[in-house]
Amino acid sequence: GIFPAAVDLTTDLHSMGQFIQDGSRLMFETVVNIEKTDADIVIQEEADDLDGLNYLAGKSVDYVNKRACEGTIDAHVNTGNVPNIIISLDKMDAYGFGYMVYFFEMSCAMSVYFLGVNPFNQPGVEVYKKNMFKLLGKPGY
């Protein structure tokens, strides 16, 4: 079924982002987009422009993050052929977070049911427990 794993882009672009784009085509990507932020910082111009980033002056960090998201999606979809889903929330609050947790839990469970497997049965875990009991000398094992 669906195996949920998180990647923090743009932080992980050089590792996981590259794998998502160019790696084995065994996954799809879900992007969570938060429309409104509670706080934002406007990037200021630096007198010396030593890092060459003054072209960002006057833009907010949220604006830069949203353009980075768009650029990443474009690279993954149009260069890497990565199937992509975008989930947009108006804001990140308790309701939105709870809704996403429920959505992803249901998605995982349903994807496994579609494969004919009970996602709430853990036969492997039972084998591990029996082995541990035997190795630890629990009576009856």
Protein backbone atom coordinates (compact mmCIF):
# COMPACT_ATOMS: atom_id res chain seq x y z
CA GLY A 1 0.00 0.00 0.00
CA ILE A 2 0.91 3.63 0.27
CA PHE A 3 4.04 4.20 2.33
CA PRO A 4 4.01 7.77 3.65
CA ALA A 5 7.39 9.41 4.02
CA ALA A 6 8.08 13.11 4.50
CA VAL A 7 10.57 15.24 2.63
CA ASP A 8 11.24 18.86 3.56
CA LEU A 9 11.78 20.70 0.32
CA THR A 10 13.81 22.81 -0.37
CA THR A 11 16.06 21.48 2.39
CA ASP A 12 16.09 17.95 0.96
CA LEU A 13 16.30 18.84 -2.75
CA HIS A 14 19.89 17.63 -3.14
CA SER A 15 19.13 14.21 -1.73
CA MET A 16 15.51 13.06 -1.67
CA GLY A 17 14.32 15.64 -4.18
CA GLN A 18 16.83 14.36 -6.71
CA PHE A 19 15.77 10.77 -6.00
CA ILE A 20 12.08 11.66 -6.44
CA GLN A 21 12.84 13.35 -9.77
CA ASP A 22 15.36 10.90 -11.25
CA GLY A 23 15.02 7.71 -9.19
CA SER A 24 12.98 4.59 -9.77
CA ARG A 25 9.42 5.39 -10.74
CA LEU A 26 7.92 3.63 -7.74
CA MET A 27 6.35 6.56 -5.97
CA PHE A 28 4.14 9.54 -6.41
CA GLU A 29 4.49 12.88 -4.70
CA THR A 30 1.98 14.68 -2.52
CA VAL A 31 2.66 18.36 -1.98
CA VAL A 32 0.98 20.08 0.96
CA ASN A 33 0.48 23.76 0.20
CA ILE A 34 -0.54 26.19 2.96
CA GLU A 35 -2.16 29.24 1.32
CA LYS A 36 -1.84 31.75 4.17
CA THR A 37 0.93 32.09 6.73
CA ASP A 38 0.51 33.51 10.22
CA ALA A 39 3.79 35.41 10.06
CA ASP A 40 6.03 36.44 7.22
CA ILE A 41 9.36 38.20 6.81
CA VAL A 42 10.18 40.62 4.01
CA ILE A 43 13.72 40.21 2.69
CA GLN A 44 15.77 43.37 3.02
CA GLU A 45 18.37 44.69 0.59
CA GLU A 46 21.99 44.37 1.70
CA ALA A 47 24.38 47.21 0.90
CA ASP A 48 27.23 44.93 -0.21
CA ASP A 49 25.15 42.17 -1.87
CA LEU A 50 28.00 39.73 -1.19
CA ASP A 51 25.76 36.70 -1.73
CA GLY A 52 24.11 38.10 -4.85
CA LEU A 53 20.65 37.75 -3.36
CA ASN A 54 19.53 41.39 -3.53
CA TYR A 55 17.20 40.46 -6.37
CA LEU A 56 15.02 39.01 -3.59
CA ALA A 57 14.81 42.35 -1.74
CA GLY A 58 11.22 43.37 -1.06
CA LYS A 59 9.91 39.84 -1.51
CA SER A 60 8.57 37.86 1.42
CA VAL A 61 9.95 34.51 2.56
CA ASP A 62 6.50 33.01 1.93
CA TYR A 63 6.61 34.29 -1.66
CA VAL A 64 10.08 32.76 -2.19
CA ASN A 65 8.94 29.45 -0.66
CA LYS A 66 5.89 29.30 -2.93
CA ARG A 67 8.05 29.93 -6.05
CA ALA A 68 10.46 27.21 -4.86
CA CYS A 69 7.49 24.86 -4.51
CA GLU A 70 6.28 25.69 -8.03
CA GLY A 71 9.77 25.18 -9.46
CA THR A 72 10.16 21.84 -7.70
CA ILE A 73 6.77 20.58 -8.86
CA ASP A 74 7.58 21.65 -12.42
CA ALA A 75 10.93 19.81 -12.36
CA HIS A 76 9.48 16.65 -10.82
CA VAL A 77 6.42 16.51 -13.10
CA ASN A 78 7.83 17.76 -16.42
CA THR A 79 11.40 16.43 -16.17
CA GLY A 80 11.01 13.44 -13.88
CA ASN A 81 7.50 12.30 -14.88
CA VAL A 82 6.59 12.07 -11.19
CA PRO A 83 2.86 11.68 -10.56
CA ASN A 84 1.92 14.59 -8.33
CA ILE A 85 -0.95 15.52 -6.03
CA ILE A 86 -1.30 18.96 -4.46
CA ILE A 87 -3.29 19.36 -1.26
CA SER A 88 -4.02 23.00 -0.47
CA LEU A 89 -5.09 24.20 2.93
CA ASP A 90 -6.18 27.76 3.62
CA LYS A 91 -4.08 27.85 6.79
CA MET A 92 -2.26 25.47 9.08
CA ASP A 93 -4.35 25.15 12.21
CA ALA A 94 -5.54 22.30 14.42
CA TYR A 95 -8.48 21.55 12.12
CA GLY A 96 -6.35 21.44 8.95
CA PHE A 97 -3.67 19.34 10.60
CA GLY A 98 -6.23 16.87 11.96
CA TYR A 99 -7.92 16.69 8.57
CA MET A 100 -4.62 15.87 6.87
CA VAL A 101 -3.74 13.19 9.43
CA TYR A 102 -7.15 11.57 8.92
CA PHE A 103 -6.84 11.84 5.12
CA PHE A 104 -3.41 10.17 5.07
CA GLU A 105 -4.41 7.45 7.53
CA MET A 106 -7.47 6.61 5.43
CA SER A 107 -5.40 6.70 2.22
CA CYS A 108 -2.89 4.23 3.66
CA ALA A 109 -5.58 1.87 4.95
CA MET A 110 -7.68 1.97 1.76
CA SER A 111 -4.69 1.43 -0.54
CA VAL A 112 -3.80 -1.75 1.34
CA TYR A 113 -7.41 -2.98 1.41
CA PHE A 114 -7.49 -2.55 -2.39
CA LEU A 115 -4.51 -4.94 -2.53
CA GLY A 116 -6.45 -7.51 -0.54
CA VAL A 117 -4.48 -7.10 2.69
CA ASN A 118 -5.80 -6.21 6.14
CA PRO A 119 -3.68 -3.21 7.19
CA PHE A 120 -4.58 -3.74 10.85
CA ASN A 121 -3.30 -7.31 11.00
CA GLN A 122 0.38 -7.64 11.89
CA PRO A 123 1.46 -11.26 11.48
CA GLY A 124 5.11 -10.24 11.25
CA VAL A 125 4.91 -8.48 14.61
CA GLU A 126 3.47 -11.62 16.19
CA VAL A 127 6.42 -13.66 14.87
CA TYR A 128 8.88 -11.10 16.32
CA LYS A 129 7.15 -11.24 19.71
CA LYS A 130 7.15 -15.05 19.80
CA ASN A 131 10.85 -15.11 18.87
CA MET A 132 11.70 -12.58 21.58
CA PHE A 133 9.72 -14.52 24.19
CA LYS A 134 11.55 -17.71 23.20
CA LEU A 135 14.96 -16.01 23.20
CA LEU A 136 14.27 -14.39 26.58
CA GLY A 137 13.11 -17.68 28.13
CA LYS A 138 9.45 -16.81 28.71
CA PRO A 139 7.62 -19.95 29.92
CA GLY A 140 5.57 -21.60 27.16
CA TYR A 141 7.83 -20.43 24.32
